[in-house]
Structures are given as C-alpha cells and as structure tokens.
PDB file of N, CA and C in Angstrom:
ATOM      1  N   MET A   1      77.881 137.624 101.076  1.00  0.00           N
ATOM      2  CA  MET A   1      78.962 138.572 100.869  1.00  0.00           C
ATOM      3  C   MET A   1      80.003 138.332 101.968  1.00  0.00           C
ATOM      4  N   ASP A   2      80.888 137.416 101.748  1.00  0.00           N
ATOM      5  CA  ASP A   2      81.851 137.020 102.762  1.00  0.00           C
ATOM      6  C   ASP A   2      83.079 137.904 102.819  1.00  0.00           C
ATOM      7  N   ALA A   3      83.451 138.533 101.726  1.00  0.00           N
ATOM      8  CA  ALA A   3      84.744 139.205 101.663  1.00  0.00           C
ATOM      9  C   ALA A   3      84.725 140.637 102.164  1.00  0.00           C
ATOM     10  N   VAL A   4      83.563 141.231 102.348  1.00  0.00           N
ATOM     11  CA  VAL A   4      83.518 142.625 102.771  1.00  0.00           C
ATOM     12  C   VAL A   4      82.270 142.863 103.618  1.00  0.00           C
ATOM     13  N   SER A   5      82.407 143.684 104.652  1.00  0.00           N
ATOM     14  CA  SER A   5      81.235 144.062 105.444  1.00  0.00           C
ATOM     15  C   SER A   5      81.316 145.550 105.750  1.00  0.00           C
ATOM     16  N   TYR A   6      80.133 146.170 105.858  1.00  0.00           N
ATOM     17  CA  TYR A   6      80.097 147.608 106.074  1.00  0.00           C
ATOM     18  C   TYR A   6      78.729 148.005 106.568  1.00  0.00           C
ATOM     19  N   THR A   7      78.685 148.763 107.648  1.00  0.00           N
ATOM     20  CA  THR A   7      77.400 149.224 108.180  1.00  0.00           C
ATOM     21  C   THR A   7      77.117 150.678 107.826  1.00  0.00           C
ATOM     22  N   GLY A   8      78.119 151.374 107.282  1.00  0.00           N
ATOM     23  CA  GLY A   8      77.938 152.780 106.969  1.00  0.00           C
ATOM     24  C   GLY A   8      78.424 153.702 108.055  1.00  0.00           C
ATOM     25  N   ARG A   9      78.892 153.152 109.179  1.00  0.00           N
ATOM     26  CA  ARG A   9      79.322 153.985 110.287  1.00  0.00           C
ATOM     27  C   ARG A   9      80.822 153.923 110.558  1.00  0.00           C
ATOM     28  N   GLU A  10      81.505 152.986 109.966  1.00  0.00           N
ATOM     29  CA  GLU A  10      82.937 152.880 110.198  1.00  0.00           C
ATOM     30  C   GLU A  10      83.630 152.500 108.888  1.00  0.00           C
ATOM     31  N   ALA A  11      84.835 152.029 108.986  1.00  0.00           N
ATOM     32  CA  ALA A  11      85.590 151.622 107.801  1.00  0.00           C
ATOM     33  C   ALA A  11      84.990 150.359 107.188  1.00  0.00           C
ATOM     34  N   ILE A  12      85.109 150.250 105.889  1.00  0.00           N
ATOM     35  CA  ILE A  12      84.754 149.001 105.227  1.00  0.00           C
ATOM     36  C   ILE A  12      85.739 147.944 105.702  1.00  0.00           C
ATOM     37  N   LYS A  13      85.231 146.779 106.025  1.00  0.00           N
ATOM     38  CA  LYS A  13      86.074 145.683 106.508  1.00  0.00           C
ATOM     39  C   LYS A  13      86.248 144.658 105.393  1.00  0.00           C
ATOM     40  N   PHE A  14      87.453 144.611 104.852  1.00  0.00           N
ATOM     41  CA  PHE A  14      87.782 143.662 103.793  1.00  0.00           C
ATOM     42  C   PHE A  14      88.364 142.417 104.464  1.00  0.00           C
ATOM     43  N   SER A  15      87.647 141.308 104.423  1.00  0.00           N
ATOM     44  CA  SER A  15      88.074 140.138 105.186  1.00  0.00           C
ATOM     45  C   SER A  15      88.741 139.053 104.349  1.00  0.00           C
ATOM     46  N   ASN A  16      88.687 139.137 103.044  1.00  0.00           N
ATOM     47  CA  ASN A  16      89.359 138.170 102.187  1.00  0.00           C
ATOM     48  C   ASN A  16      90.765 138.705 101.910  1.00  0.00           C
ATOM     49  N   ILE A  17      91.692 138.451 102.817  1.00  0.00           N
ATOM     50  CA  ILE A  17      93.036 139.017 102.751  1.00  0.00           C
ATOM     51  C   ILE A  17      93.898 138.186 101.806  1.00  0.00           C
ATOM     52  N   VAL A  18      94.418 138.826 100.771  1.00  0.00           N
ATOM     53  CA  VAL A  18      95.268 138.145  99.804  1.00  0.00           C
ATOM     54  C   VAL A  18      96.732 138.288 100.204  1.00  0.00           C
ATOM     55  N   LEU A  19      97.140 139.490 100.569  1.00  0.00           N
ATOM     56  CA  LEU A  19      98.519 139.754 100.974  1.00  0.00           C
ATOM     57  C   LEU A  19      98.497 140.806 102.068  1.00  0.00           C
ATOM     58  N   ASN A  20      99.172 140.525 103.171  1.00  0.00           N
ATOM     59  CA  ASN A  20      99.204 141.453 104.293  1.00  0.00           C
ATOM     60  C   ASN A  20     100.575 141.356 104.961  1.00  0.00           C
ATOM     61  N   LYS A  21     101.605 141.632 104.191  1.00  0.00           N
ATOM     62  CA  LYS A  21     102.967 141.538 104.706  1.00  0.00           C
ATOM     63  C   LYS A  21     103.141 142.535 105.851  1.00  0.00           C
ATOM     64  N   GLY A  22     103.592 142.052 106.981  1.00  0.00           N
ATOM     65  CA  GLY A  22     103.771 142.891 108.160  1.00  0.00           C
ATOM     66  C   GLY A  22     102.516 143.040 108.993  1.00  0.00           C
ATOM     67  N   ASP A  23     101.420 142.419 108.579  1.00  0.00           N
ATOM     68  CA  ASP A  23     100.150 142.466 109.321  1.00  0.00           C
ATOM     69  C   ASP A  23      99.701 143.898 109.629  1.00  0.00           C
ATOM     70  N   SER A  24      99.872 144.807 108.688  1.00  0.00           N
ATOM     71  CA  SER A  24      99.486 146.202 108.896  1.00  0.00           C
ATOM     72  C   SER A  24      98.003 146.450 108.691  1.00  0.00           C
ATOM     73  N   TYR A  25      97.317 145.522 108.009  1.00  0.00           N
ATOM     74  CA  TYR A  25      95.875 145.663 107.805  1.00  0.00           C
ATOM     75  C   TYR A  25      95.141 144.802 108.828  1.00  0.00           C
ATOM     76  N   ASP A  26      94.177 145.410 109.512  1.00  0.00           N
ATOM     77  CA  ASP A  26      93.376 144.714 110.518  1.00  0.00           C
ATOM     78  C   ASP A  26      91.974 144.515 109.966  1.00  0.00           C
ATOM     79  N   ASN A  27      91.636 143.280 109.590  1.00  0.00           N
ATOM     80  CA  ASN A  27      90.323 143.049 108.984  1.00  0.00           C
ATOM     81  C   ASN A  27      89.185 143.119 109.994  1.00  0.00           C
ATOM     82  N   ASP A  28      89.491 143.167 111.291  1.00  0.00           N
ATOM     83  CA  ASP A  28      88.438 143.358 112.298  1.00  0.00           C
ATOM     84  C   ASP A  28      87.965 144.813 112.348  1.00  0.00           C
ATOM     85  N   THR A  29      88.856 145.747 112.052  1.00  0.00           N
ATOM     86  CA  THR A  29      88.501 147.171 112.097  1.00  0.00           C
ATOM     87  C   THR A  29      88.402 147.797 110.709  1.00  0.00           C
ATOM     88  N   GLY A  30      89.055 147.198 109.711  1.00  0.00           N
ATOM     89  CA  GLY A  30      89.108 147.791 108.374  1.00  0.00           C
ATOM     90  C   GLY A  30      90.203 148.827 108.241  1.00  0.00           C
ATOM     91  N   ASN A  31      91.083 148.932 109.236  1.00  0.00           N
ATOM     92  CA  ASN A  31      92.147 149.944 109.222  1.00  0.00           C
ATOM     93  C   ASN A  31      93.495 149.353 108.827  1.00  0.00           C
ATOM     94  N   PHE A  32      94.197 150.086 107.973  1.00  0.00           N
ATOM     95  CA  PHE A  32      95.598 149.824 107.694  1.00  0.00           C
ATOM     96  C   PHE A  32      96.379 150.781 108.581  1.00  0.00           C
ATOM     97  N   THR A  33      97.351 150.279 109.345  1.00  0.00           N
ATOM     98  CA  THR A  33      98.175 151.121 110.200  1.00  0.00           C
ATOM     99  C   THR A  33      99.589 151.137 109.646  1.00  0.00           C
ATOM    100  N   ALA A  34     100.078 152.328 109.319  1.00  0.00           N
ATOM    101  CA  ALA A  34     101.396 152.464 108.692  1.00  0.00           C
ATOM    102  C   ALA A  34     102.485 151.987 109.648  1.00  0.00           C
ATOM    103  N   PRO A  35     103.266 150.977 109.248  1.00  0.00           N
ATOM    104  CA  PRO A  35     104.337 150.488 110.113  1.00  0.00           C
ATOM    105  C   PRO A  35     105.543 151.423 110.142  1.00  0.00           C
ATOM    106  N   ILE A  36     105.693 152.221 109.095  1.00  0.00           N
ATOM    107  CA  ILE A  36     106.760 153.223 109.019  1.00  0.00           C
ATOM    108  C   ILE A  36     106.213 154.467 108.337  1.00  0.00           C
ATOM    109  N   ALA A  37     106.811 155.614 108.620  1.00  0.00           N
ATOM    110  CA  ALA A  37     106.403 156.846 107.942  1.00  0.00           C
ATOM    111  C   ALA A  37     106.830 156.756 106.487  1.00  0.00           C
ATOM    112  N   GLY A  38     105.958 157.185 105.609  1.00  0.00           N
ATOM    113  CA  GLY A  38     106.321 157.127 104.204  1.00  0.00           C
ATOM    114  C   GLY A  38     105.240 157.649 103.290  1.00  0.00           C
ATOM    115  N   ILE A  39     105.559 157.618 102.014  1.00  0.00           N
ATOM    116  CA  ILE A  39     104.594 157.940 100.968  1.00  0.00           C
ATOM    117  C   ILE A  39     104.006 156.608 100.507  1.00  0.00           C
ATOM    118  N   TYR A  40     102.703 156.499 100.590  1.00  0.00           N
ATOM    119  CA  TYR A  40     101.990 155.276 100.241  1.00  0.00           C
ATOM    120  C   TYR A  40     101.039 155.543  99.080  1.00  0.00           C
ATOM    121  N   GLN A  41     100.800 154.530  98.281  1.00  0.00           N
ATOM    122  CA  GLN A  41      99.776 154.554  97.243  1.00  0.00           C
ATOM    123  C   GLN A  41      98.640 153.668  97.716  1.00  0.00           C
ATOM    124  N   PHE A  42      97.415 154.206  97.755  1.00  0.00           N
ATOM    125  CA  PHE A  42      96.237 153.454  98.163  1.00  0.00           C
ATOM    126  C   PHE A  42      95.263 153.357  97.002  1.00  0.00           C
ATOM    127  N   ASN A  43      94.661 152.188  96.866  1.00  0.00           N
ATOM    128  CA  ASN A  43      93.686 151.925  95.807  1.00  0.00           C
ATOM    129  C   ASN A  43      92.483 151.225  96.418  1.00  0.00           C
ATOM    130  N   ALA A  44      91.303 151.591  95.966  1.00  0.00           N
ATOM    131  CA  ALA A  44      90.082 150.937  96.428  1.00  0.00           C
ATOM    132  C   ALA A  44      89.158 150.705  95.245  1.00  0.00           C
ATOM    133  N   HIS A  45      88.408 149.627  95.333  1.00  0.00           N
ATOM    134  CA  HIS A  45      87.429 149.259  94.307  1.00  0.00           C
ATOM    135  C   HIS A  45      86.186 148.807  95.057  1.00  0.00           C
ATOM    136  N   ILE A  46      85.064 149.468  94.822  1.00  0.00           N
ATOM    137  CA  ILE A  46      83.829 149.104  95.507  1.00  0.00           C
ATOM    138  C   ILE A  46      82.733 148.824  94.487  1.00  0.00           C
ATOM    139  N   CYS A  47      81.910 147.843  94.801  1.00  0.00           N
ATOM    140  CA  CYS A  47      80.773 147.474  93.965  1.00  0.00           C
ATOM    141  C   CYS A  47      79.497 147.760  94.748  1.00  0.00           C
ATOM    142  N   ILE A  48      78.538 148.331  94.055  1.00  0.00           N
ATOM    143  CA  ILE A  48      77.311 148.837  94.671  1.00  0.00           C
ATOM    144  C   ILE A  48      76.144 147.919  94.321  1.00  0.00           C
ATOM    145  N   LYS A  49      75.276 147.676  95.296  1.00  0.00           N
ATOM    146  CA  LYS A  49      74.104 146.830  95.089  1.00  0.00           C
ATOM    147  C   LYS A  49      73.213 147.367  93.988  1.00  0.00           C
ATOM    148  N   LYS A  50      72.559 146.469  93.296  1.00  0.00           N
ATOM    149  CA  LYS A  50      71.543 146.823  92.306  1.00  0.00           C
ATOM    150  C   LYS A  50      70.462 147.659  92.986  1.00  0.00           C
ATOM    151  N   GLY A  51      70.048 148.724  92.351  1.00  0.00           N
ATOM    152  CA  GLY A  51      68.999 149.577  92.894  1.00  0.00           C
ATOM    153  C   GLY A  51      69.511 150.788  93.653  1.00  0.00           C
ATOM    154  N   ILE A  52      70.780 150.784  94.079  1.00  0.00           N
ATOM    155  CA  ILE A  52      71.370 151.954  94.727  1.00  0.00           C
ATOM    156  C   ILE A  52      71.788 152.911  93.622  1.00  0.00           C
ATOM    157  N   ARG A  53      71.406 154.152  93.705  1.00  0.00           N
ATOM    158  CA  ARG A  53      71.654 155.107  92.617  1.00  0.00           C
ATOM    159  C   ARG A  53      72.853 156.016  92.866  1.00  0.00           C
ATOM    160  N   GLU A  54      73.226 156.219  94.119  1.00  0.00           N
ATOM    161  CA  GLU A  54      74.324 157.146  94.411  1.00  0.00           C
ATOM    162  C   GLU A  54      74.988 156.761  95.724  1.00  0.00           C
ATOM    163  N   VAL A  55      76.309 156.775  95.737  1.00  0.00           N
ATOM    164  CA  VAL A  55      77.054 156.565  96.971  1.00  0.00           C
ATOM    165  C   VAL A  55      78.200 157.567  97.051  1.00  0.00           C
ATOM    166  N   ASN A  56      78.545 157.922  98.262  1.00  0.00           N
ATOM    167  CA  ASN A  56      79.733 158.734  98.520  1.00  0.00           C
ATOM    168  C   ASN A  56      80.817 157.783  99.010  1.00  0.00           C
ATOM    169  N   TYR A  57      82.076 158.156  98.807  1.00  0.00           N
ATOM    170  CA  TYR A  57      83.174 157.319  99.277  1.00  0.00           C
ATOM    171  C   TYR A  57      84.356 158.179  99.678  1.00  0.00           C
ATOM    172  N   TYR A  58      85.269 157.592 100.444  1.00  0.00           N
ATOM    173  CA  TYR A  58      86.500 158.289 100.818  1.00  0.00           C
ATOM    174  C   TYR A  58      87.604 157.305 101.122  1.00  0.00           C
ATOM    175  N   ILE A  59      88.823 157.806 101.094  1.00  0.00           N
ATOM    176  CA  ILE A  59      89.971 157.179 101.720  1.00  0.00           C
ATOM    177  C   ILE A  59      90.477 158.219 102.701  1.00  0.00           C
ATOM    178  N   LYS A  60      90.616 157.819 103.978  1.00  0.00           N
ATOM    179  CA  LYS A  60      91.078 158.747 105.008  1.00  0.00           C
ATOM    180  C   LYS A  60      92.389 158.271 105.612  1.00  0.00           C
ATOM    181  N   VAL A  61      93.267 159.235 105.872  1.00  0.00           N
ATOM    182  CA  VAL A  61      94.467 159.018 106.675  1.00  0.00           C
ATOM    183  C   VAL A  61      94.187 159.724 107.992  1.00  0.00           C
ATOM    184  N   GLY A  62      94.123 158.953 109.082  1.00  0.00           N
ATOM    185  CA  GLY A  62      93.691 159.541 110.349  1.00  0.00           C
ATOM    186  C   GLY A  62      92.274 160.054 110.164  1.00  0.00           C
ATOM    187  N   ASN A  63      92.047 161.325 110.435  1.00  0.00           N
ATOM    188  CA  ASN A  63      90.728 161.933 110.236  1.00  0.00           C
ATOM    189  C   ASN A  63      90.654 162.808 108.997  1.00  0.00           C
ATOM    190  N   LYS A  64      91.702 162.782 108.166  1.00  0.00           N
ATOM    191  CA  LYS A  64      91.753 163.638 106.984  1.00  0.00           C
ATOM    192  C   LYS A  64      91.485 162.830 105.718  1.00  0.00           C
ATOM    193  N   SER A  65      90.503 163.270 104.949  1.00  0.00           N
ATOM    194  CA  SER A  65      90.216 162.619 103.670  1.00  0.00           C
ATOM    195  C   SER A  65      91.301 162.961 102.664  1.00  0.00           C
ATOM    196  N   ILE A  66      91.832 161.935 102.010  1.00  0.00           N
ATOM    197  CA  ILE A  66      92.807 162.173 100.944  1.00  0.00           C
ATOM    198  C   ILE A  66      92.168 162.002  99.573  1.00  0.00           C
ATOM    199  N   VAL A  67      91.016 161.360  99.543  1.00  0.00           N
ATOM    200  CA  VAL A  67      90.209 161.304  98.326  1.00  0.00           C
ATOM    201  C   VAL A  67      88.755 161.149  98.759  1.00  0.00           C
ATOM    202  N   THR A  68      87.880 161.877  98.092  1.00  0.00           N
ATOM    203  CA  THR A  68      86.442 161.753  98.308  1.00  0.00           C
ATOM    204  C   THR A  68      85.771 161.822  96.951  1.00  0.00           C
ATOM    205  N   GLY A  69      84.582 161.296  96.890  1.00  0.00           N
ATOM    206  CA  GLY A  69      83.858 161.368  95.630  1.00  0.00           C
ATOM    207  C   GLY A  69      82.448 160.834  95.770  1.00  0.00           C
ATOM    208  N   GLU A  70      81.724 160.955  94.666  1.00  0.00           N
ATOM    209  CA  GLU A  70      80.375 160.414  94.552  1.00  0.00           C
ATOM    210  C   GLU A  70      80.339 159.531  93.320  1.00  0.00           C
ATOM    211  N   PHE A  71      79.615 158.439  93.422  1.00  0.00           N
ATOM    212  CA  PHE A  71      79.450 157.529  92.300  1.00  0.00           C
ATOM    213  C   PHE A  71      77.969 157.454  91.991  1.00  0.00           C
ATOM    214  N   PHE A  72      77.605 157.788  90.759  1.00  0.00           N
ATOM    215  CA  PHE A  72      76.212 157.772  90.334  1.00  0.00           C
ATOM    216  C   PHE A  72      75.990 156.587  89.400  1.00  0.00           C
ATOM    217  N   VAL A  73      75.008 155.771  89.730  1.00  0.00           N
ATOM    218  CA  VAL A  73      74.672 154.609  88.909  1.00  0.00           C
ATOM    219  C   VAL A  73      73.535 155.014  87.978  1.00  0.00           C
ATOM    220  N   PRO A  74      73.678 154.733  86.682  1.00  0.00           N
ATOM    221  CA  PRO A  74      72.601 155.084  85.740  1.00  0.00           C
ATOM    222  C   PRO A  74      71.272 154.443  86.157  1.00  0.00           C
ATOM    223  N   ILE A  75      70.209 155.182  86.014  1.00  0.00           N
ATOM    224  CA  ILE A  75      68.896 154.707  86.449  1.00  0.00           C
ATOM    225  C   ILE A  75      68.468 153.454  85.700  1.00  0.00           C
ATOM    226  N   GLU A  76      68.959 153.268  84.481  1.00  0.00           N
ATOM    227  CA  GLU A  76      68.592 152.096  83.694  1.00  0.00           C
ATOM    228  C   GLU A  76      69.447 150.859  84.004  1.00  0.00           C
ATOM    229  N   ALA A  77      70.403 150.983  84.915  1.00  0.00           N
ATOM    230  CA  ALA A  77      71.278 149.854  85.257  1.00  0.00           C
ATOM    231  C   ALA A  77      70.452 148.711  85.841  1.00  0.00           C
ATOM    232  N   GLU A  78      70.728 147.506  85.377  1.00  0.00           N
ATOM    233  CA  GLU A  78      69.988 146.338  85.840  1.00  0.00           C
ATOM    234  C   GLU A  78      70.837 145.390  86.676  1.00  0.00           C
ATOM    235  N   ASP A  79      72.056 145.806  87.001  1.00  0.00           N
ATOM    236  CA  ASP A  79      72.928 144.968  87.824  1.00  0.00           C
ATOM    237  C   ASP A  79      73.814 145.861  88.674  1.00  0.00           C
ATOM    238  N   ARG A  80      74.660 145.244  89.498  1.00  0.00           N
ATOM    239  CA  ARG A  80      75.578 146.014  90.345  1.00  0.00           C
ATOM    240  C   ARG A  80      76.567 146.753  89.455  1.00  0.00           C
ATOM    241  N   LYS A  81      77.069 147.849  89.957  1.00  0.00           N
ATOM    242  CA  LYS A  81      78.093 148.630  89.266  1.00  0.00           C
ATOM    243  C   LYS A  81      79.240 148.875  90.223  1.00  0.00           C
ATOM    244  N   CYS A  82      80.426 149.064  89.671  1.00  0.00           N
ATOM    245  CA  CYS A  82      81.624 149.232  90.486  1.00  0.00           C
ATOM    246  C   CYS A  82      82.359 150.508  90.095  1.00  0.00           C
ATOM    247  N   THR A  83      83.140 151.024  91.030  1.00  0.00           N
ATOM    248  CA  THR A  83      83.995 152.173  90.765  1.00  0.00           C
ATOM    249  C   THR A  83      85.312 151.987  91.518  1.00  0.00           C
ATOM    250  N   SER A  84      86.348 152.603  91.000  1.00  0.00           N
ATOM    251  CA  SER A  84      87.670 152.535  91.630  1.00  0.00           C
ATOM    252  C   SER A  84      88.169 153.943  91.904  1.00  0.00           C
ATOM    253  N   PHE A  85      88.991 154.081  92.935  1.00  0.00           N
ATOM    254  CA  PHE A  85      89.589 155.370  93.255  1.00  0.00           C
ATOM    255  C   PHE A  85      90.912 155.123  93.953  1.00  0.00           C
ATOM    256  N   SER A  86      91.804 156.109  93.874  1.00  0.00           N
ATOM    257  CA  SER A  86      93.138 155.934  94.452  1.00  0.00           C
ATOM    258  C   SER A  86      93.729 157.277  94.832  1.00  0.00           C
ATOM    259  N   ALA A  87      94.780 157.224  95.651  1.00  0.00           N
ATOM    260  CA  ALA A  87      95.481 158.436  96.052  1.00  0.00           C
ATOM    261  C   ALA A  87      96.828 158.054  96.639  1.00  0.00           C
ATOM    262  N   ALA A  88      97.789 158.935  96.474  1.00  0.00           N
ATOM    263  CA  ALA A  88      99.081 158.804  97.153  1.00  0.00           C
ATOM    264  C   ALA A  88      99.051 159.769  98.330  1.00  0.00           C
ATOM    265  N   ALA A  89      99.663 159.356  99.442  1.00  0.00           N
ATOM    266  CA  ALA A  89      99.631 160.206 100.636  1.00  0.00           C
ATOM    267  C   ALA A  89     100.855 159.968 101.494  1.00  0.00           C
ATOM    268  N   LEU A  90     101.263 161.028 102.177  1.00  0.00           N
ATOM    269  CA  LEU A  90     102.293 160.938 103.199  1.00  0.00           C
ATOM    270  C   LEU A  90     101.596 160.469 104.480  1.00  0.00           C
ATOM    271  N   VAL A  91     102.019 159.337 105.009  1.00  0.00           N
ATOM    272  CA  VAL A  91     101.373 158.765 106.186  1.00  0.00           C
ATOM    273  C   VAL A  91     102.404 158.633 107.301  1.00  0.00           C
ATOM    274  N   PRO A  92     102.178 159.304 108.431  1.00  0.00           N
ATOM    275  CA  PRO A  92     103.083 159.158 109.570  1.00  0.00           C
ATOM    276  C   PRO A  92     103.012 157.736 110.143  1.00  0.00           C
ATOM    277  N   LYS A  93     104.092 157.295 110.729  1.00  0.00           N
ATOM    278  CA  LYS A  93     104.122 155.981 111.374  1.00  0.00           C
ATOM    279  C   LYS A  93     103.003 155.910 112.412  1.00  0.00           C
ATOM    280  N   GLY A  94     102.244 154.824 112.377  1.00  0.00           N
ATOM    281  CA  GLY A  94     101.177 154.611 113.345  1.00  0.00           C
ATOM    282  C   GLY A  94      99.829 155.175 112.962  1.00  0.00           C
ATOM    283  N   ASP A  95      99.762 156.021 111.928  1.00  0.00           N
ATOM    284  CA  ASP A  95      98.464 156.539 111.491  1.00  0.00           C
ATOM    285  C   ASP A  95      97.687 155.449 110.770  1.00  0.00           C
ATOM    286  N   SER A  96      96.365 155.514 110.876  1.00  0.00           N
ATOM    287  CA  SER A  96      95.523 154.525 110.211  1.00  0.00           C
ATOM    288  C   SER A  96      94.949 155.093 108.927  1.00  0.00           C
ATOM    289  N   VAL A  97      94.707 154.197 107.988  1.00  0.00           N
ATOM    290  CA  VAL A  97      94.115 154.539 106.690  1.00  0.00           C
ATOM    291  C   VAL A  97      92.925 153.615 106.500  1.00  0.00           C
ATOM    292  N   ARG A  98      91.817 154.180 106.012  1.00  0.00           N
ATOM    293  CA  ARG A  98      90.608 153.375 105.850  1.00  0.00           C
ATOM    294  C   ARG A  98      89.769 153.879 104.684  1.00  0.00           C
ATOM    295  N   VAL A  99      88.867 153.026 104.234  1.00  0.00           N
ATOM    296  CA  VAL A  99      87.932 153.328 103.152  1.00  0.00           C
ATOM    297  C   VAL A  99      86.535 153.321 103.741  1.00  0.00           C
ATOM    298  N   GLY A 100      85.702 154.252 103.335  1.00  0.00           N
ATOM    299  CA  GLY A 100      84.316 154.291 103.806  1.00  0.00           C
ATOM    300  C   GLY A 100      83.558 155.381 103.095  1.00  0.00           C
ATOM    301  N   GLY A 101      82.460 155.812 103.716  1.00  0.00           N
ATOM    302  CA  GLY A 101      81.720 156.955 103.218  1.00  0.00           C
ATOM    303  C   GLY A 101      80.280 156.725 102.851  1.00  0.00           C
ATOM    304  N   MET A 102      79.895 155.497 102.541  1.00  0.00           N
ATOM    305  CA  MET A 102      78.515 155.252 102.145  1.00  0.00           C
ATOM    306  C   MET A 102      77.586 155.528 103.320  1.00  0.00           C
ATOM    307  N   LEU A 103      76.405 155.984 103.017  1.00  0.00           N
ATOM    308  CA  LEU A 103      75.440 156.308 104.063  1.00  0.00           C
ATOM    309  C   LEU A 103      74.694 155.076 104.553  1.00  0.00           C
ATOM    310  N   GLU A 104      74.757 154.001 103.807  1.00  0.00           N
ATOM    311  CA  GLU A 104      74.054 152.783 104.174  1.00  0.00           C
ATOM    312  C   GLU A 104      74.882 151.584 103.752  1.00  0.00           C
ATOM    313  N   SER A 105      74.436 150.438 104.142  1.00  0.00           N
ATOM    314  CA  SER A 105      75.139 149.220 103.737  1.00  0.00           C
ATOM    315  C   SER A 105      74.775 148.939 102.283  1.00  0.00           C
ATOM    316  N   SER A 106      75.554 149.473 101.363  1.00  0.00           N
ATOM    317  CA  SER A 106      75.195 149.415  99.945  1.00  0.00           C
ATOM    318  C   SER A 106      76.186 148.629  99.102  1.00  0.00           C
ATOM    319  N   LEU A 107      77.140 147.963  99.733  1.00  0.00           N
ATOM    320  CA  LEU A 107      78.139 147.219  98.983  1.00  0.00           C
ATOM    321  C   LEU A 107      77.633 145.845  98.586  1.00  0.00           C
ATOM    322  N   ASP A 108      78.142 145.371  97.468  1.00  0.00           N
ATOM    323  CA  ASP A 108      77.771 144.060  96.959  1.00  0.00           C
ATOM    324  C   ASP A 108      78.957 143.537  96.164  1.00  0.00           C
ATOM    325  N   GLU A 109      79.063 142.252  96.031  1.00  0.00           N
ATOM    326  CA  GLU A 109      80.106 141.683  95.192  1.00  0.00           C
ATOM    327  C   GLU A 109      79.700 140.296  94.737  1.00  0.00           C
ATOM    328  N   SER A 110      80.379 139.856  93.694  1.00  0.00           N
ATOM    329  CA  SER A 110      80.152 138.531  93.138  1.00  0.00           C
ATOM    330  C   SER A 110      81.506 137.956  92.758  1.00  0.00           C
ATOM    331  N   ASP A 111      81.494 136.806  92.121  1.00  0.00           N
ATOM    332  CA  ASP A 111      82.763 136.217  91.676  1.00  0.00           C
ATOM    333  C   ASP A 111      83.492 137.114  90.690  1.00  0.00           C
ATOM    334  N   ASN A 112      82.751 137.887  89.910  1.00  0.00           N
ATOM    335  CA  ASN A 112      83.352 138.750  88.889  1.00  0.00           C
ATOM    336  C   ASN A 112      83.579 140.178  89.336  1.00  0.00           C
ATOM    337  N   ASP A 113      82.865 140.620  90.350  1.00  0.00           N
ATOM    338  CA  ASP A 113      82.969 141.992  90.845  1.00  0.00           C
ATOM    339  C   ASP A 113      83.270 141.949  92.334  1.00  0.00           C
ATOM    340  N   GLN A 114      84.531 142.187  92.705  1.00  0.00           N
ATOM    341  CA  GLN A 114      84.902 142.107  94.112  1.00  0.00           C
ATOM    342  C   GLN A 114      85.418 143.442  94.624  1.00  0.00           C
ATOM    343  N   CYS A 115      85.027 143.780  95.839  1.00  0.00           N
ATOM    344  CA  CYS A 115      85.522 144.986  96.489  1.00  0.00           C
ATOM    345  C   CYS A 115      86.952 144.731  96.960  1.00  0.00           C
ATOM    346  N   SER A 116      87.794 145.774  96.882  1.00  0.00           N
ATOM    347  CA  SER A 116      89.180 145.586  97.314  1.00  0.00           C
ATOM    348  C   SER A 116      89.784 146.894  97.809  1.00  0.00           C
ATOM    349  N   PHE A 117      90.859 146.743  98.578  1.00  0.00           N
ATOM    350  CA  PHE A 117      91.607 147.872  99.132  1.00  0.00           C
ATOM    351  C   PHE A 117      93.059 147.443  99.183  1.00  0.00           C
ATOM    352  N   SER A 118      93.952 148.298  98.704  1.00  0.00           N
ATOM    353  CA  SER A 118      95.381 147.975  98.771  1.00  0.00           C
ATOM    354  C   SER A 118      96.174 149.225  99.113  1.00  0.00           C
ATOM    355  N   GLY A 119      97.294 149.001  99.744  1.00  0.00           N
ATOM    356  CA  GLY A 119      98.228 150.070 100.077  1.00  0.00           C
ATOM    357  C   GLY A 119      99.637 149.589  99.848  1.00  0.00           C
ATOM    358  N   THR A 120     100.455 150.439  99.232  1.00  0.00           N
ATOM    359  CA  THR A 120     101.824 150.087  98.917  1.00  0.00           C
ATOM    360  C   THR A 120     102.745 151.227  99.342  1.00  0.00           C
ATOM    361  N   LEU A 121     103.801 150.906 100.079  1.00  0.00           N
ATOM    362  CA  LEU A 121     104.798 151.891 100.434  1.00  0.00           C
ATOM    363  C   LEU A 121     105.607 152.234  99.182  1.00  0.00           C
ATOM    364  N   ILE A 122     105.641 153.518  98.835  1.00  0.00           N
ATOM    365  CA  ILE A 122     106.403 153.969  97.672  1.00  0.00           C
ATOM    366  C   ILE A 122     107.798 154.416  98.117  1.00  0.00           C
ATOM    367  N   GLN A 123     107.838 155.146  99.238  1.00  0.00           N
ATOM    368  CA  GLN A 123     109.118 155.699  99.696  1.00  0.00           C
ATOM    369  C   GLN A 123     109.088 155.944 101.202  1.00  0.00           C
ATOM    370  N   ASN A 124     110.134 155.532 101.911  1.00  0.00           N
ATOM    371  CA  ASN A 124     110.286 155.867 103.333  1.00  0.00           C
ATOM    372  C   ASN A 124     110.574 157.361 103.445  1.00  0.00           C
ATOM    373  N   VAL A 125     110.125 157.961 104.550  1.00  0.00           N
ATOM    374  CA  VAL A 125     110.476 159.364 104.792  1.00  0.00           C
ATOM    375  C   VAL A 125     111.003 159.526 106.212  1.00  0.00           C
TER     376      VAL A 125
END
C-alpha cells in the first residue's frame, strides 16, 4: 500500500500526489494548509480492508469536524469496500484540513480502489 498510510492516531497520509498546485498539501503530515482564506470543497474516498466491519471517518478544519460518519461493511462482503464523503467549509488562511477517524490501521487499496483526498478553492473571502 504505497499511496496511503495511517496509524489511526493522526491524519491519513496520501503520498501519491497527482496535483498539488501551491504545495498546500504536505504528504509527510497528511495536512492541507489553506494558502488563502476562502470557501473550499473537500472530497475524500477511503477503501477498507477485507474483514473490517465498521469504521468512523472525518474531515477536520483545525480541530473542528466539518463532516463525520460511520461506514458499515456488510458481513457477507468478501472483498474491500470503499466510501466517499465531502463537505464545503470556510477555512481561514493557515488553518489545516485533514482526513482521519479510523480506530485502527484499516485502509486498503488496489489498482481499482484507491484512497484519495482533494480540496478546491471555490471562493476567496
């Protein structure tokens, strides 16, 4: 699993960077730091290891959750399952945004199922 790492204690670290204009995402910490104050749209997609039945997740701006949830995998599932979540948020300049929440290292991915995180500035404020 080269593209994502997570211990359950900090932000998910997405290391397969496709686009990082302005270098606002730090793959060493898993944090996106807003270069300017604005309204941003954030999207995340996580895939869960086979055998894991439930995970919690969040997107946080600073210490405030802007989206939280639980993902339940059907007991009869025989492979990894994925879920996506998103939120728009007002982010002050310099605040960090991150994805996390699982209680254990439960992420998994393959060529067809990849974990991802994106943020897009919608409007300066």
